[in-house]
Amino acid sequence: MPWVVGKGSKAQQGARVPSWVKFDSVYAKDCLRGLIQTDGCIYTDRGYQMVNFVNNVKGMAEDARDMLTLLGFHPSFNSFRLPNGNTKYTVKIARKDEVGRLLHALHLYKE
């Protein structure tokens, strides 16, 4: 991600996923795996497994959504205004068939 530690937040620096990663399916999968492992989660809600990525950098969330879409998934994209004035962005995969396929594609499943 093109941002530099000590030079401001990722949001201030406009961090984005480089296009050479976004548009290559192998790199996009590796990138998504890292994004979910650092700023996402896999959870169960009312018996259904879901995967999401949450970030306060709109561009990063848009990039995650775009990579998922390019890989054939149907992510939802939501924003929520926090009491401190910041906005958090959530990219979620909730379709049962897609969650399993995504976990397998990103090697995030339990053997």
Protein backbone atom coordinates (compact mmCIF):
# COMPACT_ATOMS: atom_id res chain seq x y z
CA MET A 1 0.00 0.00 0.00
CA PRO A 2 1.51 3.31 -0.94
CA TRP A 3 1.70 4.98 2.45
CA VAL A 4 4.60 5.81 4.73
CA VAL A 5 4.71 5.20 8.48
CA GLY A 6 5.14 8.47 10.35
CA LYS A 7 3.81 10.64 7.52
CA GLY A 8 0.18 10.67 8.67
CA SER A 9 -2.65 8.20 8.64
CA LYS A 10 -3.50 5.97 5.71
CA ALA A 11 -6.56 8.16 5.17
CA GLN A 12 -4.49 11.37 5.12
CA GLN A 13 -2.09 9.79 2.62
CA GLY A 14 -4.89 8.43 0.44
CA ALA A 15 -3.67 4.83 0.63
CA ARG A 16 -5.05 2.60 -2.10
CA VAL A 17 -4.37 -0.86 -3.47
CA PRO A 18 -2.07 -0.48 -6.50
CA SER A 19 -3.78 -1.25 -9.80
CA TRP A 20 -1.21 -3.95 -10.66
CA VAL A 21 -2.50 -5.81 -7.56
CA LYS A 22 -6.21 -5.01 -8.01
CA PHE A 23 -6.41 -6.29 -11.56
CA ASP A 24 -4.37 -9.50 -11.17
CA SER A 25 -6.50 -12.28 -9.68
CA VAL A 26 -3.58 -14.00 -7.91
CA TYR A 27 -2.32 -10.78 -6.31
CA ALA A 28 -5.87 -9.62 -5.55
CA LYS A 29 -6.58 -12.83 -3.63
CA ASP A 30 -3.36 -12.46 -1.63
CA CYS A 31 -4.16 -8.81 -0.93
CA LEU A 32 -7.74 -9.59 0.15
CA ARG A 33 -6.49 -12.34 2.46
CA GLY A 34 -4.17 -9.84 4.13
CA LEU A 35 -6.84 -7.15 4.37
CA ILE A 36 -9.31 -9.55 5.97
CA GLN A 37 -6.66 -10.90 8.36
CA THR A 38 -5.72 -7.39 9.50
CA ASP A 39 -8.92 -5.34 9.28
CA GLY A 40 -11.67 -7.88 8.79
CA CYS A 41 -13.30 -10.90 10.32
CA ILE A 42 -15.09 -14.13 9.62
CA TYR A 43 -18.08 -14.57 11.89
CA THR A 44 -21.41 -16.30 12.30
CA ASP A 45 -24.64 -14.32 12.61
CA ARG A 46 -27.89 -16.21 13.27
CA GLY A 47 -26.35 -19.39 11.93
CA TYR A 48 -24.91 -17.87 8.75
CA GLN A 49 -21.19 -17.39 8.21
CA MET A 50 -20.10 -13.98 6.91
CA VAL A 51 -16.86 -12.28 5.91
CA ASN A 52 -16.23 -8.58 6.21
CA PHE A 53 -13.54 -5.96 5.85
CA VAL A 54 -13.83 -2.71 7.80
CA ASN A 55 -11.68 0.36 7.29
CA ASN A 56 -11.84 4.10 7.77
CA VAL A 57 -10.14 4.72 4.43
CA LYS A 58 -12.88 4.89 1.83
CA GLY A 59 -10.50 4.16 -1.06
CA MET A 60 -9.18 1.00 0.60
CA ALA A 61 -12.72 -0.25 1.21
CA GLU A 62 -13.65 0.56 -2.39
CA ASP A 63 -10.58 -1.33 -3.59
CA ALA A 64 -11.56 -4.37 -1.49
CA ARG A 65 -15.09 -4.21 -2.92
CA ASP A 66 -13.75 -3.87 -6.46
CA MET A 67 -11.35 -6.82 -6.10
CA LEU A 68 -14.14 -9.01 -4.72
CA THR A 69 -16.40 -7.98 -7.58
CA LEU A 70 -13.70 -8.69 -10.18
CA LEU A 71 -13.28 -12.15 -8.64
CA GLY A 72 -16.99 -12.84 -9.18
CA PHE A 73 -18.41 -12.08 -5.72
CA HIS A 74 -21.29 -9.77 -4.79
CA PRO A 75 -20.09 -7.70 -1.83
CA SER A 76 -22.23 -5.17 -0.01
CA PHE A 77 -20.68 -1.79 0.75
CA ASN A 78 -21.88 0.30 3.69
CA SER A 79 -20.69 3.36 5.54
CA PHE A 80 -21.41 4.41 9.10
CA ARG A 81 -20.71 7.77 10.70
CA LEU A 82 -19.03 7.37 14.10
CA PRO A 83 -19.69 9.70 17.05
CA ASN A 84 -16.19 11.19 16.63
CA GLY A 85 -17.08 12.33 13.11
CA ASN A 86 -15.08 9.66 11.28
CA THR A 87 -16.71 7.24 8.89
CA LYS A 88 -16.13 3.50 8.82
CA TYR A 89 -16.66 1.53 5.64
CA THR A 90 -17.70 -2.11 5.62
CA VAL A 91 -17.40 -4.53 2.72
CA LYS A 92 -19.29 -7.76 3.40
CA ILE A 93 -19.82 -11.11 1.72
CA ALA A 94 -22.96 -12.70 3.13
CA ARG A 95 -24.35 -15.02 0.46
CA LYS A 96 -23.94 -18.55 1.79
CA ASP A 97 -22.51 -20.00 -1.43
CA GLU A 98 -20.12 -17.07 -1.84
CA VAL A 99 -18.77 -17.14 1.72
CA GLY A 100 -17.55 -20.71 1.33
CA ARG A 101 -16.14 -20.03 -2.11
CA LEU A 102 -14.33 -16.91 -0.84
CA LEU A 103 -12.87 -18.67 2.20
CA HIS A 104 -11.61 -21.44 -0.06
CA ALA A 105 -10.22 -19.02 -2.69
CA LEU A 106 -8.36 -17.01 -0.04
CA HIS A 107 -7.21 -20.09 1.90
CA LEU A 108 -8.96 -18.85 5.04
CA TYR A 109 -10.90 -22.05 5.75
CA LYS A 110 -10.13 -24.55 8.47
CA GLU A 111 -8.96 -27.94 7.25
